[in-house]
Amino acid sequence: MELAKLRKQIDKIDKQIIEILNKRAEFSLDIGNIKRKGKLSVYSPDRESDVYKKVVGRNKGPLPQEAIQAIYREIMSATLSLEGPMRVAYLGPVATFTHLASIKKFGSSVKYLPAGSIGEVFSNVEKGRADYGVVPIENSIEGAVSHTLDMFIDSDLKICSEVSLEISHYLMGRYTKRSPRILKVYSNPQVFGQCRIWLEANLPKAELVEVSSTARAAELAQKEPNSACIASKLAADCYGLEIYEKSIEDYSYNVTRFLVIGKTEPNPTKNDKTSILFSLKDKVGALHDILVPFKKNRINMTKIESRPSKKKAWDYYFYVDLKGHHRDAAVRKALKELDKNAKFLKILGSYPMGNNI
C-alpha cells in the first residue's frame, strides 16, 4: 500500500512536469517568432551558459548536477527545435567521438549532418547547408588537431562555443567470442596514439591500419575476419560488434575538446574565452613583444600553438586561447597592442568557457 501511494504521488508530479514543460515550450515558440522577425540565430551559446549556471545553482536535491544538466540539455534541445529547424554538421560518420560530442552539446532533437572531413564540416556551415559545425581541436594526450587549426586561417567562420568529451576506447570485432587471432586493428591515428602502450602489451603482432575515423574502423572490422577496431561504445551498438576489451586508453584522464563553429558571435557572459590567430614580423624578440600586452593587462593565456603558414619556409601562424571576451576592456586593449606588432591578427571568436557537462 505504501509503494502504491508513493507511485501515485510520482504520477501526480509527472503530470505537473508535463504541463510545465509544455508551458515552457509555448514561450519558446514565442521566442522563435521574435528571432525569425529579427533574423536572429536560433542557438544562443551565451543564453545556454546562463541557463546551465542557474539550474545548477538551484539544484539542492538528491539529483547529481550531471543529471540535472543532462535533463536540461534535452529540454533545451527540444525547445530549440520548436524555435526553428537547426542543422549541425560534424566529423562523421555516425558514432564517431565528434558525433558523441555533438549530441552532448545539442541534444537529440536537432538534425545532424555527418561530414567526411573537417574541411567538409567548415564548408557545410559556410555554404548554409548546416547552421553550426562541430570539430575536434585538441586532445589532452595527443595535443592539437592541426587540420582544424589550419582551417581557421582562410575561413570566416567564428568559434561560438566549445564542449569537452571524456574519451574511452573499446576494442571490438564481429565475433560473439574474442577471436583467438586478431591480425589487424583499425582506428584513426590519434586513437592509436592514445592506446599505444596497451596495444604493444596485448597485440604486439597485429597490423595497425589507420583510417579516417573510428566509425570507418568499425565498418571495416564488421566485414573482415580476424580483424578488430578501436572505437566508441556507440560504434559497437551501431555496427553490431562485440566488445572485447573496455577502456584500453593508456591514461585515465583522456579528454578531447571540440569547437562549435558558426556565423554568429555570442554576447559576453563574464566567463568567456577568446581564440585568436596571428603571425609575426621577422625581427628579433618578435614573439616576446607579442606576449607582453597579455601580461601587462593581466590576461591569462590558456593555450598557444604554432603552425607553419605553408606559404613561406619558416613562417608560422600562432593560435592562442585566452580568458575573457574580446569586448572586455582589458582584452580589447591587449589585442590593440598586439595588432601593432603583428603582421596578421584574426579574432576567431569569443565564447562561453565550456565545462565537462
Protein backbone atom coordinates (compact mmCIF):
# COMPACT_ATOMS: atom_id res chain seq x y z
CA MET A 1 0.00 0.00 0.00
CA GLU A 2 2.87 2.37 0.82
CA LEU A 3 4.50 1.66 -2.59
CA ALA A 4 1.25 2.34 -4.44
CA LYS A 5 0.79 5.58 -2.52
CA LEU A 6 4.30 6.80 -3.43
CA ARG A 7 3.79 5.88 -7.09
CA LYS A 8 0.56 7.81 -7.11
CA GLN A 9 2.45 10.88 -5.87
CA ILE A 10 5.03 10.43 -8.65
CA ASP A 11 2.24 10.19 -11.24
CA LYS A 12 0.85 13.46 -9.93
CA ILE A 13 4.26 15.15 -10.17
CA ASP A 14 4.79 13.75 -13.68
CA LYS A 15 1.54 15.36 -14.77
CA GLN A 16 2.74 18.70 -13.39
CA ILE A 17 6.12 18.32 -15.10
CA ILE A 18 4.46 17.74 -18.50
CA GLU A 19 2.24 20.78 -18.02
CA ILE A 20 5.22 22.96 -17.06
CA LEU A 21 7.37 21.66 -19.94
CA ASN A 22 4.63 22.47 -22.43
CA LYS A 23 4.23 25.92 -20.89
CA ARG A 24 7.97 26.42 -21.35
CA ALA A 25 7.63 25.24 -24.95
CA GLU A 26 4.92 27.82 -25.62
CA PHE A 27 7.28 30.59 -24.54
CA SER A 28 9.96 29.07 -26.79
CA LEU A 29 7.58 29.28 -29.75
CA ASP A 30 7.07 32.99 -29.00
CA ILE A 31 10.83 33.47 -28.76
CA GLY A 32 11.23 31.66 -32.09
CA ASN A 33 8.80 34.08 -33.76
CA ILE A 34 10.74 37.08 -32.39
CA LYS A 35 14.05 35.59 -33.58
CA ARG A 36 12.68 34.94 -37.09
CA LYS A 37 11.37 38.51 -37.38
CA GLY A 38 14.71 39.89 -36.19
CA LYS A 39 16.67 37.36 -38.31
CA LEU A 40 18.43 36.19 -35.16
CA SER A 41 20.16 32.85 -34.66
CA VAL A 42 18.08 30.11 -33.01
CA TYR A 43 21.01 28.94 -30.90
CA SER A 44 22.40 31.36 -28.29
CA PRO A 45 25.53 29.97 -26.54
CA ASP A 46 25.52 32.81 -24.00
CA ARG A 47 21.90 32.06 -23.06
CA GLU A 48 22.68 28.33 -22.89
CA SER A 49 25.55 29.03 -20.49
CA ASP A 50 23.29 31.21 -18.34
CA VAL A 51 20.58 28.53 -18.13
CA TYR A 52 23.04 25.84 -17.05
CA LYS A 53 24.54 28.13 -14.44
CA LYS A 54 21.14 28.92 -12.96
CA VAL A 55 19.77 25.35 -12.86
CA VAL A 56 22.97 24.03 -11.28
CA GLY A 57 22.84 26.77 -8.66
CA ARG A 58 19.22 25.99 -7.82
CA ASN A 59 19.70 22.24 -7.52
CA LYS A 60 19.56 21.40 -3.80
CA GLY A 61 18.08 17.91 -4.06
CA PRO A 62 19.43 14.36 -4.37
CA LEU A 63 19.87 14.50 -8.16
CA PRO A 64 23.57 14.98 -9.11
CA GLN A 65 24.50 18.08 -11.10
CA GLU A 66 25.41 15.97 -14.14
CA ALA A 67 21.89 14.51 -14.22
CA ILE A 68 20.28 17.96 -13.97
CA GLN A 69 22.48 19.24 -16.79
CA ALA A 70 21.69 16.22 -18.98
CA ILE A 71 17.94 16.68 -18.41
CA TYR A 72 18.13 20.37 -19.30
CA ARG A 73 20.27 19.65 -22.36
CA GLU A 74 17.39 17.62 -23.79
CA ILE A 75 14.78 20.18 -22.68
CA MET A 76 16.69 22.93 -24.47
CA SER A 77 17.28 20.72 -27.50
CA ALA A 78 13.55 20.05 -27.81
CA THR A 79 12.57 23.69 -27.38
CA LEU A 80 15.26 24.87 -29.82
CA SER A 81 13.72 22.59 -32.45
CA LEU A 82 10.40 24.39 -31.83
CA GLU A 83 12.01 27.82 -32.31
CA GLY A 84 13.23 26.77 -35.74
CA PRO A 85 14.98 23.93 -37.58
CA MET A 86 18.66 23.60 -36.68
CA ARG A 87 21.22 21.54 -38.59
CA VAL A 88 24.57 20.59 -37.08
CA ALA A 89 27.41 19.22 -39.22
CA TYR A 90 30.02 17.02 -37.56
CA LEU A 91 33.04 14.94 -38.49
CA GLY A 92 31.34 11.65 -39.30
CA PRO A 93 30.19 9.08 -39.99
CA VAL A 94 27.69 8.12 -37.29
CA ALA A 95 29.20 7.02 -33.94
CA THR A 96 32.45 9.00 -34.12
CA PHE A 97 33.57 10.82 -30.98
CA THR A 98 32.70 14.09 -32.71
CA HIS A 99 29.16 12.73 -33.15
CA LEU A 100 29.02 11.96 -29.43
CA ALA A 101 30.32 15.45 -28.60
CA SER A 102 27.67 16.98 -30.88
CA ILE A 103 24.89 15.10 -29.11
CA LYS A 104 26.35 16.10 -25.74
CA LYS A 105 26.26 19.73 -26.82
CA PHE A 106 23.00 19.97 -28.76
CA GLY A 107 20.91 17.02 -27.55
CA SER A 108 18.88 14.62 -29.68
CA SER A 109 16.26 16.93 -31.20
CA VAL A 110 18.38 18.73 -33.81
CA LYS A 111 19.23 17.42 -37.27
CA TYR A 112 22.77 16.04 -37.57
CA LEU A 113 24.73 16.01 -40.83
CA PRO A 114 27.80 13.73 -40.93
CA ALA A 115 30.73 15.06 -42.97
CA GLY A 116 33.64 13.14 -44.42
CA SER A 117 36.34 15.56 -43.30
CA ILE A 118 36.98 18.59 -41.11
CA GLY A 119 37.13 20.70 -44.26
CA GLU A 120 33.68 19.47 -45.26
CA VAL A 121 32.28 20.48 -41.85
CA PHE A 122 33.55 24.03 -42.44
CA SER A 123 32.21 24.01 -46.00
CA ASN A 124 28.74 22.84 -44.92
CA VAL A 125 28.43 25.76 -42.50
CA GLU A 126 29.97 28.32 -44.88
CA LYS A 127 27.57 27.35 -47.67
CA GLY A 128 24.50 27.26 -45.42
CA ARG A 129 23.89 23.52 -45.56
CA ALA A 130 24.34 23.49 -41.78
CA ASP A 131 23.79 26.16 -39.13
CA TYR A 132 26.68 25.01 -36.96
CA GLY A 133 29.56 22.59 -37.14
CA VAL A 134 31.42 20.56 -34.51
CA VAL A 135 35.13 19.81 -34.98
CA PRO A 136 37.86 18.42 -32.69
CA ILE A 137 40.55 20.92 -31.67
CA GLU A 138 42.75 19.16 -29.09
CA ASN A 139 43.21 16.04 -27.02
CA SER A 140 44.67 16.02 -23.51
CA ILE A 141 47.16 13.29 -24.51
CA GLU A 142 47.88 13.76 -28.22
CA GLY A 143 47.66 17.55 -28.37
CA ALA A 144 46.24 19.81 -31.09
CA VAL A 145 44.30 18.70 -34.16
CA SER A 146 46.39 20.51 -36.77
CA HIS A 147 43.85 20.25 -39.59
CA THR A 148 41.26 22.18 -37.59
CA LEU A 149 43.81 24.90 -36.74
CA ASP A 150 44.75 25.24 -40.41
CA MET A 151 41.13 25.63 -41.50
CA PHE A 152 40.75 28.83 -39.47
CA ILE A 153 43.45 30.63 -41.49
CA ASP A 154 41.18 31.14 -44.52
CA SER A 155 37.70 30.58 -43.06
CA ASP A 156 35.45 33.45 -41.99
CA LEU A 157 33.52 31.24 -39.55
CA LYS A 158 33.54 32.07 -35.85
CA ILE A 159 34.07 29.84 -32.83
CA CYS A 160 30.85 30.26 -30.86
CA SER A 161 31.04 27.50 -28.25
CA GLU A 162 33.08 24.55 -27.02
CA VAL A 163 32.43 21.17 -25.45
CA SER A 164 34.75 18.61 -23.82
CA LEU A 165 34.20 14.87 -24.01
CA GLU A 166 35.85 12.24 -21.85
CA ILE A 167 37.19 9.62 -24.23
CA SER A 168 37.07 5.90 -23.53
CA HIS A 169 38.29 3.43 -26.17
CA TYR A 170 36.89 -0.06 -26.75
CA LEU A 171 38.43 -2.94 -28.67
CA MET A 172 35.68 -4.69 -30.64
CA GLY A 173 35.07 -7.09 -33.50
CA ARG A 174 32.47 -9.16 -35.33
CA TYR A 175 32.67 -12.37 -33.28
CA THR A 176 30.49 -13.25 -30.31
CA LYS A 177 33.64 -14.55 -28.64
CA ARG A 178 37.02 -12.88 -28.75
CA SER A 179 38.90 -14.02 -31.83
CA PRO A 180 41.96 -16.11 -30.93
CA ARG A 181 43.88 -14.34 -33.73
CA ILE A 182 43.45 -10.63 -34.26
CA LEU A 183 45.74 -9.92 -37.18
CA LYS A 184 44.61 -6.40 -37.97
CA VAL A 185 43.30 -3.46 -35.92
CA TYR A 186 41.60 -0.44 -37.49
CA SER A 187 41.32 3.02 -35.99
CA ASN A 188 42.36 6.61 -36.61
CA PRO A 189 45.92 7.82 -35.89
CA GLN A 190 45.06 9.78 -32.73
CA VAL A 191 43.32 6.78 -31.18
CA PHE A 192 46.33 4.56 -31.84
CA GLY A 193 48.45 7.21 -30.12
CA GLN A 194 46.17 7.12 -27.08
CA CYS A 195 46.27 3.28 -26.83
CA ARG A 196 49.91 2.66 -27.79
CA ILE A 197 51.04 1.02 -24.51
CA TRP A 198 48.02 -1.33 -24.36
CA LEU A 199 48.44 -2.40 -27.98
CA GLU A 200 52.16 -3.12 -27.56
CA ALA A 201 51.46 -5.22 -24.47
CA ASN A 202 48.41 -7.12 -25.75
CA LEU A 203 48.51 -7.16 -29.56
CA PRO A 204 52.20 -6.70 -30.44
CA LYS A 205 51.97 -8.61 -33.75
CA ALA A 206 48.73 -7.12 -35.05
CA GLU A 207 48.88 -4.76 -38.02
CA LEU A 208 47.63 -1.29 -37.08
CA VAL A 209 45.72 0.22 -40.01
CA GLU A 210 44.98 3.95 -39.91
CA VAL A 211 41.61 5.09 -41.28
CA SER A 212 39.74 8.40 -41.35
CA SER A 213 37.52 7.79 -38.30
CA THR A 214 36.65 5.29 -35.58
CA ALA A 215 33.27 4.74 -37.25
CA ARG A 216 35.00 3.82 -40.52
CA ALA A 217 37.17 1.45 -38.48
CA ALA A 218 34.02 -0.21 -37.11
CA GLU A 219 32.62 -0.62 -40.64
CA LEU A 220 35.79 -2.41 -41.79
CA ALA A 221 36.05 -4.61 -38.69
CA GLN A 222 32.44 -5.69 -39.18
CA LYS A 223 33.28 -7.03 -42.65
CA GLU A 224 36.66 -8.67 -42.15
CA PRO A 225 37.55 -11.86 -40.24
CA ASN A 226 40.48 -11.80 -37.82
CA SER A 227 40.23 -8.04 -37.54
CA ALA A 228 39.16 -5.65 -34.82
CA CYS A 229 38.80 -1.94 -34.31
CA ILE A 230 39.18 0.63 -31.57
CA ALA A 231 36.13 2.86 -31.32
CA SER A 232 33.42 4.18 -29.02
CA LYS A 233 30.78 2.09 -27.28
CA LEU A 234 28.20 3.73 -29.55
CA ALA A 235 30.04 2.28 -32.56
CA ALA A 236 29.61 -1.23 -31.15
CA ASP A 237 25.86 -0.64 -30.87
CA CYS A 238 25.56 0.94 -34.34
CA TYR A 239 27.61 -1.67 -36.21
CA GLY A 240 26.63 -4.78 -34.28
CA LEU A 241 30.10 -5.53 -32.89
CA GLU A 242 31.13 -7.46 -29.81
CA ILE A 243 33.22 -5.57 -27.25
CA TYR A 244 36.40 -7.49 -26.43
CA GLU A 245 38.09 -5.04 -24.06
CA LYS A 246 36.91 -1.86 -22.34
CA SER A 247 38.84 1.34 -21.57
CA ILE A 248 42.10 0.42 -23.29
CA GLU A 249 43.36 4.02 -23.37
CA ASP A 250 46.80 4.37 -21.78
CA TYR A 251 45.85 7.24 -19.47
CA SER A 252 42.68 7.52 -17.42
CA TYR A 253 42.34 11.29 -17.98
CA ASN A 254 41.72 11.33 -21.72
CA VAL A 255 39.61 14.30 -22.80
CA THR A 256 39.05 15.78 -26.25
CA ARG A 257 37.93 19.37 -26.67
CA PHE A 258 35.62 20.23 -29.56
CA LEU A 259 34.67 23.60 -31.05
CA VAL A 260 31.28 24.69 -32.31
CA ILE A 261 31.70 26.87 -35.40
CA GLY A 262 29.09 29.17 -36.94
CA LYS A 263 28.46 32.58 -38.46
CA THR A 264 27.34 34.43 -35.34
CA GLU A 265 29.14 35.52 -32.18
CA PRO A 266 27.79 35.09 -28.62
CA ASN A 267 27.40 38.01 -26.23
CA PRO A 268 29.79 38.25 -23.24
CA THR A 269 28.93 36.09 -20.21
CA LYS A 270 31.71 37.19 -17.78
CA ASN A 271 33.16 33.68 -18.11
CA ASP A 272 34.45 33.66 -21.66
CA LYS A 273 37.36 32.50 -23.75
CA THR A 274 38.75 34.20 -26.86
CA SER A 275 40.68 32.44 -29.62
CA ILE A 276 42.97 34.39 -31.92
CA LEU A 277 45.34 33.68 -34.80
CA PHE A 278 48.35 35.85 -35.64
CA SER A 279 51.67 35.88 -37.45
CA LEU A 280 54.83 37.76 -36.52
CA LYS A 281 57.01 40.30 -38.20
CA ASP A 282 60.50 38.97 -38.91
CA LYS A 283 62.53 40.72 -36.21
CA VAL A 284 64.47 39.86 -33.04
CA GLY A 285 62.22 39.48 -29.98
CA ALA A 286 59.01 39.48 -32.04
CA LEU A 287 57.32 36.72 -30.01
CA HIS A 288 58.32 38.35 -26.73
CA ASP A 289 56.84 41.67 -27.85
CA ILE A 290 53.59 39.93 -28.79
CA LEU A 291 53.22 38.32 -25.35
CA VAL A 292 53.97 41.42 -23.28
CA PRO A 293 50.50 43.06 -23.72
CA PHE A 294 48.81 39.98 -22.23
CA LYS A 295 50.96 40.06 -19.10
CA LYS A 296 50.64 43.85 -18.80
CA ASN A 297 46.85 43.63 -18.94
CA ARG A 298 46.75 40.55 -16.62
CA ILE A 299 45.19 38.28 -19.21
CA ASN A 300 45.68 34.54 -18.79
CA MET A 301 46.70 32.68 -21.96
CA THR A 302 45.47 29.09 -21.72
CA LYS A 303 46.93 27.77 -24.97
CA ILE A 304 49.49 28.72 -27.62
CA GLU A 305 50.18 26.58 -30.68
CA SER A 306 52.33 27.29 -33.73
CA ARG A 307 51.52 26.15 -37.27
CA PRO A 308 53.57 26.59 -40.47
CA SER A 309 51.95 29.11 -42.82
CA LYS A 310 52.60 26.81 -45.83
CA LYS A 311 53.27 29.97 -47.84
CA LYS A 312 56.91 30.59 -46.93
CA ALA A 313 59.61 28.46 -45.31
CA TRP A 314 59.93 29.00 -41.55
CA ASP A 315 56.93 31.34 -41.49
CA TYR A 316 54.41 30.49 -38.75
CA TYR A 317 50.95 31.30 -37.51
CA PHE A 318 50.25 31.20 -33.78
CA TYR A 319 46.93 30.01 -32.37
CA VAL A 320 46.17 31.38 -28.89
CA ASP A 321 43.34 30.86 -26.39
CA LEU A 322 42.96 33.46 -23.66
CA LYS A 323 40.49 34.14 -20.87
CA GLY A 324 38.00 36.93 -21.45
CA HIS A 325 35.78 38.27 -24.24
CA HIS A 326 37.31 40.45 -26.95
CA ARG A 327 34.81 43.17 -25.99
CA ASP A 328 36.20 43.28 -22.43
CA ALA A 329 38.26 46.44 -21.85
CA ALA A 330 41.48 44.65 -20.85
CA VAL A 331 41.30 42.14 -23.70
CA ARG A 332 40.45 44.85 -26.20
CA LYS A 333 43.46 46.88 -25.07
CA ALA A 334 45.84 43.90 -25.27
CA LEU A 335 44.64 42.94 -28.75
CA LYS A 336 45.08 46.52 -29.95
CA GLU A 337 48.70 46.49 -28.76
CA LEU A 338 49.24 43.05 -30.31
CA ASP A 339 47.88 44.26 -33.65
CA LYS A 340 50.56 46.97 -33.79
CA ASN A 341 53.36 44.39 -33.57
CA ALA A 342 51.79 41.53 -35.54
CA LYS A 343 51.97 41.05 -39.28
CA PHE A 344 48.50 39.49 -39.20
CA LEU A 345 45.82 39.21 -36.49
CA LYS A 346 42.48 37.46 -36.64
CA ILE A 347 39.93 37.06 -33.84
CA LEU A 348 38.46 33.59 -34.31
CA GLY A 349 35.74 34.09 -31.71
CA SER A 350 34.80 34.84 -28.12
CA TYR A 351 32.54 32.27 -26.49
CA PRO A 352 31.45 30.90 -23.10
CA MET A 353 34.07 28.73 -21.46
CA GLY A 354 32.99 25.12 -21.68
CA ASN A 355 32.54 22.70 -18.83
CA ASN A 356 32.51 18.93 -18.77
CA ILE A 357 28.75 18.50 -18.92
